[in-house]
């Protein structure tokens, strides 16, 4: 499971579809609707948020907005509404780690997109996240 802190605009089609599916799975985990992935480290930041269901809902809404902008037909009815606002923190080190990881994936899977994003020095975070100084997050498997 990879719940990117990076803005989903950087993902190739396969990456965006995978993120949608994985975020829907994360939503199910946080709502107690599945037994799998209960202790997955990628969920820690959502679990530790005062309103984890709101956070994952907003995370999914931003992914859906990106998909809609691309002309994809992701089913918005799968996002469970919460009516709350939320922000999550992510470290600058985590953003760098994910950026390097994503570029490596794009280099092999989508060279055109890789070249498009290669010159990006500071990638944008997913709209749910606020970037603060720090190292790679402790939940990240390196």
N, C-alpha and C. Protein backbone atom coordinates (compact mmCIF):
# COMPACT_ATOMS: atom_id res chain seq x y z
N UNK A 1 0.86 -1.18 0.00
CA UNK A 1 0.00 0.00 0.00
C UNK A 1 0.90 1.23 0.00
N UNK A 2 0.59 2.17 -0.89
CA UNK A 2 1.31 3.44 -0.94
C UNK A 2 0.27 4.55 -0.99
N UNK A 3 0.19 5.32 0.09
CA UNK A 3 -0.67 6.48 0.14
C UNK A 3 0.24 7.70 0.01
N UNK A 4 0.39 8.16 -1.20
CA UNK A 4 1.34 9.22 -1.52
C UNK A 4 1.04 10.51 -0.77
N UNK A 5 2.09 11.16 -0.30
CA UNK A 5 1.99 12.50 0.26
C UNK A 5 2.11 13.53 -0.87
N UNK A 6 2.66 13.09 -1.98
CA UNK A 6 2.80 13.93 -3.16
C UNK A 6 1.44 14.20 -3.79
N UNK A 7 1.33 15.31 -4.48
CA UNK A 7 0.10 15.62 -5.21
C UNK A 7 -0.11 14.54 -6.28
N UNK A 8 -1.33 14.11 -6.45
CA UNK A 8 -1.61 13.03 -7.39
C UNK A 8 -1.44 13.44 -8.86
N UNK A 9 -1.25 14.72 -9.12
CA UNK A 9 -1.03 15.15 -10.51
C UNK A 9 0.26 14.57 -11.09
N UNK A 10 1.18 14.16 -10.22
CA UNK A 10 2.45 13.62 -10.68
C UNK A 10 2.36 12.15 -11.08
N UNK A 11 1.29 11.49 -10.73
CA UNK A 11 1.17 10.05 -10.99
C UNK A 11 0.78 9.76 -12.43
N UNK A 12 1.30 8.68 -12.94
CA UNK A 12 0.89 8.20 -14.25
C UNK A 12 -0.48 7.52 -14.10
N UNK A 13 -1.14 7.16 -15.20
CA UNK A 13 -2.47 6.54 -15.09
C UNK A 13 -2.50 5.32 -14.17
N UNK A 14 -1.51 4.43 -14.29
CA UNK A 14 -1.49 3.24 -13.43
C UNK A 14 -1.34 3.63 -11.96
N UNK A 15 -0.52 4.62 -11.69
CA UNK A 15 -0.30 5.07 -10.33
C UNK A 15 -1.53 5.71 -9.73
N UNK A 16 -2.26 6.48 -10.53
CA UNK A 16 -3.47 7.14 -10.02
C UNK A 16 -4.56 6.11 -9.72
N UNK A 17 -4.73 5.13 -10.61
CA UNK A 17 -5.72 4.07 -10.37
C UNK A 17 -5.34 3.26 -9.13
N UNK A 18 -4.07 2.94 -9.00
CA UNK A 18 -3.61 2.18 -7.82
C UNK A 18 -3.84 2.99 -6.55
N UNK A 19 -3.55 4.28 -6.59
CA UNK A 19 -3.75 5.13 -5.41
C UNK A 19 -5.22 5.18 -5.02
N UNK A 20 -6.10 5.30 -5.99
CA UNK A 20 -7.54 5.31 -5.73
C UNK A 20 -7.96 4.03 -5.01
N UNK A 21 -7.53 2.91 -5.54
CA UNK A 21 -7.90 1.61 -4.94
C UNK A 21 -7.32 1.47 -3.53
N UNK A 22 -6.08 1.85 -3.37
CA UNK A 22 -5.44 1.71 -2.06
C UNK A 22 -6.03 2.67 -1.03
N UNK A 23 -6.40 3.86 -1.46
CA UNK A 23 -7.03 4.81 -0.54
C UNK A 23 -8.44 4.34 -0.16
N UNK A 24 -9.15 3.72 -1.10
CA UNK A 24 -10.46 3.14 -0.76
C UNK A 24 -10.29 2.00 0.25
N UNK A 25 -9.25 1.21 0.08
CA UNK A 25 -8.95 0.15 1.05
C UNK A 25 -8.63 0.77 2.41
N UNK A 26 -7.84 1.83 2.41
CA UNK A 26 -7.50 2.51 3.66
C UNK A 26 -8.77 3.04 4.34
N UNK A 27 -9.69 3.57 3.56
CA UNK A 27 -10.95 4.05 4.11
C UNK A 27 -11.71 2.90 4.78
N UNK A 28 -11.75 1.76 4.13
CA UNK A 28 -12.43 0.60 4.70
C UNK A 28 -11.78 0.16 6.00
N UNK A 29 -10.45 0.19 6.03
CA UNK A 29 -9.73 -0.18 7.26
C UNK A 29 -10.08 0.79 8.38
N UNK A 30 -10.03 2.08 8.09
CA UNK A 30 -10.30 3.10 9.11
C UNK A 30 -11.75 3.09 9.59
N UNK A 31 -12.63 2.56 8.78
CA UNK A 31 -14.05 2.46 9.16
C UNK A 31 -14.38 1.11 9.79
N UNK A 32 -13.37 0.25 9.94
CA UNK A 32 -13.59 -1.06 10.54
C UNK A 32 -14.36 -2.02 9.65
N UNK A 33 -14.26 -1.84 8.34
CA UNK A 33 -15.02 -2.65 7.40
C UNK A 33 -14.21 -3.79 6.78
N UNK A 34 -12.99 -3.97 7.21
CA UNK A 34 -12.15 -5.04 6.70
C UNK A 34 -11.14 -5.45 7.76
N UNK A 35 -10.66 -6.66 7.66
CA UNK A 35 -9.68 -7.15 8.63
C UNK A 35 -8.25 -7.02 8.14
N UNK A 36 -8.08 -6.92 6.84
CA UNK A 36 -6.75 -6.81 6.27
C UNK A 36 -6.15 -5.43 6.45
N UNK A 37 -4.84 -5.36 6.43
CA UNK A 37 -4.08 -4.11 6.46
C UNK A 37 -4.31 -3.28 7.73
N UNK A 38 -4.82 -3.87 8.79
CA UNK A 38 -5.12 -3.12 10.01
C UNK A 38 -3.90 -2.41 10.57
N UNK A 39 -2.75 -3.02 10.46
CA UNK A 39 -1.55 -2.43 11.05
C UNK A 39 -0.54 -1.96 10.01
N UNK A 40 -1.02 -1.64 8.82
CA UNK A 40 -0.11 -1.19 7.78
C UNK A 40 0.47 0.18 8.16
N UNK A 41 1.79 0.34 8.09
CA UNK A 41 2.41 1.59 8.53
C UNK A 41 1.94 2.82 7.76
N UNK A 42 1.51 2.66 6.51
CA UNK A 42 1.03 3.80 5.73
C UNK A 42 -0.24 4.41 6.35
N UNK A 43 -0.92 3.64 7.19
CA UNK A 43 -2.15 4.14 7.82
C UNK A 43 -1.90 4.90 9.11
N UNK A 44 -0.69 4.83 9.64
CA UNK A 44 -0.40 5.43 10.94
C UNK A 44 -0.77 6.91 11.01
N UNK A 45 -0.40 7.66 9.99
CA UNK A 45 -0.68 9.10 10.05
C UNK A 45 -2.18 9.40 10.03
N UNK A 46 -2.95 8.54 9.39
CA UNK A 46 -4.40 8.72 9.41
C UNK A 46 -4.96 8.28 10.76
N UNK A 47 -4.50 7.14 11.25
CA UNK A 47 -4.97 6.64 12.54
C UNK A 47 -4.66 7.61 13.67
N UNK A 48 -3.53 8.30 13.58
CA UNK A 48 -3.12 9.22 14.64
C UNK A 48 -3.79 10.58 14.55
N UNK A 49 -4.52 10.83 13.52
CA UNK A 49 -5.24 12.10 13.35
C UNK A 49 -6.48 12.08 14.23
N UNK A 50 -6.86 13.22 14.81
CA UNK A 50 -8.07 13.25 15.66
C UNK A 50 -9.35 12.84 14.92
N UNK A 51 -9.37 13.02 13.60
CA UNK A 51 -10.54 12.64 12.80
C UNK A 51 -10.07 11.81 11.61
N UNK A 52 -9.69 10.54 11.83
CA UNK A 52 -9.11 9.74 10.75
C UNK A 52 -10.05 9.52 9.58
N UNK A 53 -11.32 9.37 9.84
CA UNK A 53 -12.27 9.15 8.74
C UNK A 53 -12.42 10.40 7.88
N UNK A 54 -12.41 11.55 8.50
CA UNK A 54 -12.46 12.80 7.74
C UNK A 54 -11.20 12.96 6.90
N UNK A 55 -10.05 12.63 7.49
CA UNK A 55 -8.78 12.77 6.78
C UNK A 55 -8.75 11.89 5.54
N UNK A 56 -9.15 10.64 5.66
CA UNK A 56 -9.11 9.75 4.49
C UNK A 56 -10.17 10.15 3.46
N UNK A 57 -11.29 10.65 3.92
CA UNK A 57 -12.32 11.13 3.00
C UNK A 57 -11.80 12.31 2.17
N UNK A 58 -11.16 13.25 2.82
CA UNK A 58 -10.60 14.39 2.11
C UNK A 58 -9.45 13.97 1.19
N UNK A 59 -8.68 13.00 1.62
CA UNK A 59 -7.62 12.46 0.79
C UNK A 59 -8.20 11.89 -0.50
N UNK A 60 -9.26 11.10 -0.36
CA UNK A 60 -9.92 10.50 -1.52
C UNK A 60 -10.56 11.57 -2.41
N UNK A 61 -11.14 12.59 -1.82
CA UNK A 61 -11.77 13.64 -2.62
C UNK A 61 -10.78 14.33 -3.55
N UNK A 62 -9.57 14.54 -3.06
CA UNK A 62 -8.55 15.17 -3.90
C UNK A 62 -8.11 14.24 -5.03
N UNK A 63 -8.02 12.96 -4.74
CA UNK A 63 -7.67 11.99 -5.79
C UNK A 63 -8.78 11.96 -6.84
N UNK A 64 -10.02 11.96 -6.36
CA UNK A 64 -11.16 11.97 -7.28
C UNK A 64 -11.14 13.22 -8.17
N UNK A 65 -10.81 14.37 -7.59
CA UNK A 65 -10.75 15.62 -8.37
C UNK A 65 -9.70 15.52 -9.46
N UNK A 66 -8.55 14.95 -9.15
CA UNK A 66 -7.50 14.77 -10.16
C UNK A 66 -7.97 13.82 -11.26
N UNK A 67 -8.61 12.74 -10.87
CA UNK A 67 -9.12 11.77 -11.86
C UNK A 67 -10.16 12.42 -12.76
N UNK A 68 -11.04 13.18 -12.17
CA UNK A 68 -12.10 13.85 -12.95
C UNK A 68 -11.48 14.84 -13.94
N UNK A 69 -10.46 15.57 -13.50
CA UNK A 69 -9.78 16.52 -14.38
C UNK A 69 -9.15 15.81 -15.58
N UNK A 70 -8.71 14.57 -15.37
CA UNK A 70 -8.11 13.78 -16.45
C UNK A 70 -9.15 13.08 -17.32
N UNK A 71 -10.40 13.18 -16.94
CA UNK A 71 -11.45 12.53 -17.72
C UNK A 71 -11.74 11.10 -17.30
N UNK A 72 -11.23 10.68 -16.15
CA UNK A 72 -11.49 9.33 -15.63
C UNK A 72 -12.84 9.33 -14.93
N UNK A 73 -13.41 8.16 -14.79
CA UNK A 73 -14.73 8.07 -14.15
C UNK A 73 -14.67 7.28 -12.84
N UNK A 74 -13.91 7.79 -11.88
CA UNK A 74 -13.88 7.18 -10.56
C UNK A 74 -15.22 7.45 -9.88
N UNK A 75 -15.74 6.50 -9.16
CA UNK A 75 -17.05 6.59 -8.53
C UNK A 75 -16.96 7.35 -7.20
N UNK A 76 -17.38 8.61 -7.21
CA UNK A 76 -17.32 9.45 -6.01
C UNK A 76 -18.21 8.95 -4.89
N UNK A 77 -19.21 8.14 -5.22
CA UNK A 77 -20.11 7.63 -4.17
C UNK A 77 -19.39 6.66 -3.23
N UNK A 78 -18.20 6.22 -3.62
CA UNK A 78 -17.43 5.32 -2.75
C UNK A 78 -16.74 6.07 -1.61
N UNK A 79 -16.68 7.39 -1.72
CA UNK A 79 -16.08 8.21 -0.67
C UNK A 79 -17.14 8.44 0.40
N UNK A 80 -16.85 8.00 1.61
CA UNK A 80 -17.79 8.16 2.72
C UNK A 80 -17.70 9.60 3.23
N UNK A 81 -18.81 10.33 3.21
CA UNK A 81 -18.76 11.73 3.66
C UNK A 81 -18.58 11.83 5.18
N UNK A 82 -17.90 12.87 5.60
CA UNK A 82 -17.71 13.08 7.04
C UNK A 82 -18.11 14.48 7.48
N UNK A 83 -18.10 15.44 6.57
CA UNK A 83 -18.50 16.80 6.92
C UNK A 83 -17.50 17.54 7.80
N UNK A 84 -16.31 17.02 7.95
CA UNK A 84 -15.29 17.66 8.78
C UNK A 84 -14.13 18.09 7.89
N UNK A 85 -13.33 19.01 8.43
CA UNK A 85 -12.10 19.38 7.72
C UNK A 85 -10.93 18.74 8.45
N UNK A 86 -9.84 18.60 7.74
CA UNK A 86 -8.67 17.96 8.32
C UNK A 86 -7.43 18.39 7.55
N UNK A 87 -6.31 18.37 8.23
CA UNK A 87 -5.00 18.59 7.65
C UNK A 87 -4.05 17.60 8.29
N UNK A 88 -3.17 17.06 7.51
CA UNK A 88 -2.13 16.17 8.03
C UNK A 88 -0.78 16.81 7.77
N UNK A 89 0.15 16.51 8.63
CA UNK A 89 1.52 17.00 8.45
C UNK A 89 2.34 15.93 7.75
N UNK A 90 3.29 16.37 6.96
CA UNK A 90 4.27 15.48 6.33
C UNK A 90 5.61 16.20 6.37
N UNK A 91 6.66 15.45 6.57
CA UNK A 91 7.98 16.06 6.63
C UNK A 91 8.56 16.29 5.24
N UNK A 92 9.44 17.27 5.17
CA UNK A 92 10.12 17.55 3.91
C UNK A 92 10.97 16.34 3.49
N UNK A 93 11.53 15.65 4.46
CA UNK A 93 12.30 14.44 4.15
C UNK A 93 11.45 13.35 3.54
N UNK A 94 10.23 13.22 4.01
CA UNK A 94 9.30 12.24 3.44
C UNK A 94 8.95 12.62 2.01
N UNK A 95 8.76 13.90 1.78
CA UNK A 95 8.44 14.36 0.42
C UNK A 95 9.59 14.04 -0.55
N UNK A 96 10.82 14.27 -0.12
CA UNK A 96 11.98 13.96 -0.96
C UNK A 96 12.04 12.45 -1.20
N UNK A 97 11.85 11.67 -0.15
CA UNK A 97 11.89 10.21 -0.27
C UNK A 97 10.85 9.73 -1.30
N UNK A 98 9.63 10.22 -1.17
CA UNK A 98 8.56 9.81 -2.09
C UNK A 98 8.84 10.29 -3.51
N UNK A 99 9.39 11.48 -3.66
CA UNK A 99 9.68 12.02 -4.98
C UNK A 99 10.70 11.15 -5.71
N UNK A 100 11.75 10.78 -5.02
CA UNK A 100 12.78 9.91 -5.60
C UNK A 100 12.15 8.55 -5.96
N UNK A 101 11.33 8.03 -5.06
CA UNK A 101 10.65 6.75 -5.29
C UNK A 101 9.73 6.82 -6.52
N UNK A 102 8.96 7.89 -6.62
CA UNK A 102 8.05 8.04 -7.76
C UNK A 102 8.83 8.20 -9.06
N UNK A 103 9.86 9.02 -9.06
CA UNK A 103 10.64 9.20 -10.29
C UNK A 103 11.24 7.88 -10.77
N UNK A 104 11.67 7.05 -9.84
CA UNK A 104 12.21 5.74 -10.22
C UNK A 104 11.14 4.88 -10.87
N UNK A 105 9.93 4.93 -10.34
CA UNK A 105 8.82 4.18 -10.93
C UNK A 105 8.50 4.72 -12.33
N UNK A 106 8.42 6.04 -12.45
CA UNK A 106 8.07 6.65 -13.74
C UNK A 106 9.15 6.40 -14.79
N UNK A 107 10.39 6.38 -14.39
CA UNK A 107 11.49 6.17 -15.34
C UNK A 107 11.30 4.87 -16.10
N UNK A 108 10.86 3.83 -15.40
CA UNK A 108 10.66 2.55 -16.06
C UNK A 108 9.29 2.38 -16.69
N UNK A 109 8.29 2.99 -16.10
CA UNK A 109 6.90 2.74 -16.51
C UNK A 109 6.36 3.80 -17.47
N UNK A 110 6.85 5.04 -17.36
CA UNK A 110 6.32 6.12 -18.19
C UNK A 110 7.42 7.17 -18.41
N UNK A 111 8.36 6.86 -19.32
CA UNK A 111 9.50 7.77 -19.54
C UNK A 111 9.10 9.20 -19.93
N UNK A 112 8.00 9.36 -20.64
CA UNK A 112 7.57 10.71 -21.03
C UNK A 112 7.22 11.53 -19.79
N UNK A 113 6.46 10.95 -18.89
CA UNK A 113 6.09 11.63 -17.66
C UNK A 113 7.33 11.83 -16.77
N UNK A 114 8.21 10.86 -16.77
CA UNK A 114 9.46 10.97 -16.02
C UNK A 114 10.23 12.21 -16.47
N UNK A 115 10.38 12.38 -17.76
CA UNK A 115 11.11 13.54 -18.27
C UNK A 115 10.38 14.84 -17.95
N UNK A 116 9.05 14.80 -17.99
CA UNK A 116 8.26 15.99 -17.68
C UNK A 116 8.52 16.46 -16.24
N UNK A 117 8.57 15.53 -15.30
CA UNK A 117 8.69 15.89 -13.88
C UNK A 117 10.12 15.94 -13.38
N UNK A 118 11.08 15.48 -14.14
CA UNK A 118 12.46 15.37 -13.68
C UNK A 118 13.04 16.71 -13.20
N UNK A 119 12.70 17.79 -13.84
CA UNK A 119 13.25 19.10 -13.47
C UNK A 119 12.56 19.73 -12.26
N UNK A 120 11.51 19.11 -11.76
CA UNK A 120 10.78 19.66 -10.61
C UNK A 120 11.66 19.55 -9.37
N UNK A 121 11.97 20.70 -8.78
CA UNK A 121 12.85 20.70 -7.61
C UNK A 121 12.09 20.46 -6.32
N UNK A 122 10.94 21.09 -6.18
CA UNK A 122 10.14 20.93 -4.96
C UNK A 122 8.71 20.56 -5.39
N UNK A 123 8.39 19.28 -5.37
CA UNK A 123 7.04 18.87 -5.79
C UNK A 123 5.99 19.30 -4.77
N UNK A 124 4.80 19.50 -5.27
CA UNK A 124 3.67 19.87 -4.40
C UNK A 124 3.20 18.66 -3.60
N UNK A 125 2.70 18.94 -2.43
CA UNK A 125 2.11 17.90 -1.59
C UNK A 125 0.65 17.72 -1.99
N UNK A 126 0.11 16.56 -1.68
CA UNK A 126 -1.32 16.32 -1.79
C UNK A 126 -2.01 17.42 -0.99
N UNK A 127 -3.15 17.95 -1.44
CA UNK A 127 -3.79 19.08 -0.76
C UNK A 127 -4.12 18.86 0.72
N UNK A 128 -4.21 17.63 1.16
CA UNK A 128 -4.49 17.34 2.57
C UNK A 128 -3.29 17.64 3.46
N UNK A 129 -2.09 17.64 2.87
CA UNK A 129 -0.87 17.71 3.67
C UNK A 129 -0.26 19.10 3.75
N UNK A 130 0.29 19.37 4.91
CA UNK A 130 1.09 20.56 5.14
C UNK A 130 2.51 20.08 5.40
N UNK A 131 3.46 20.61 4.66
CA UNK A 131 4.85 20.16 4.76
C UNK A 131 5.56 20.94 5.85
N UNK A 132 6.29 20.21 6.71
CA UNK A 132 7.13 20.81 7.74
C UNK A 132 8.52 20.20 7.61
N UNK A 133 9.49 20.86 8.18
CA UNK A 133 10.87 20.36 8.12
C UNK A 133 10.98 19.05 8.89
N UNK A 134 11.80 18.16 8.40
CA UNK A 134 12.02 16.91 9.11
C UNK A 134 12.55 15.82 8.19
N UNK A 135 12.93 14.73 8.82
CA UNK A 135 13.47 13.56 8.12
C UNK A 135 12.34 12.71 7.55
N UNK A 136 12.71 11.60 6.94
CA UNK A 136 11.72 10.63 6.45
C UNK A 136 10.87 10.19 7.65
N UNK A 137 9.58 10.04 7.42
CA UNK A 137 8.66 9.67 8.49
C UNK A 137 9.03 8.30 9.08
N UNK A 138 8.83 8.13 10.38
CA UNK A 138 9.21 6.86 11.01
C UNK A 138 8.42 5.65 10.52
N UNK A 139 7.23 5.86 9.97
CA UNK A 139 6.42 4.74 9.49
C UNK A 139 6.86 4.24 8.12
N UNK A 140 7.70 4.99 7.46
CA UNK A 140 8.13 4.62 6.11
C UNK A 140 9.08 3.43 6.16
N UNK A 141 8.81 2.44 5.37
CA UNK A 141 9.72 1.29 5.23
C UNK A 141 10.79 1.66 4.23
N UNK A 142 12.03 1.67 4.67
CA UNK A 142 13.12 2.06 3.77
C UNK A 142 13.98 0.87 3.43
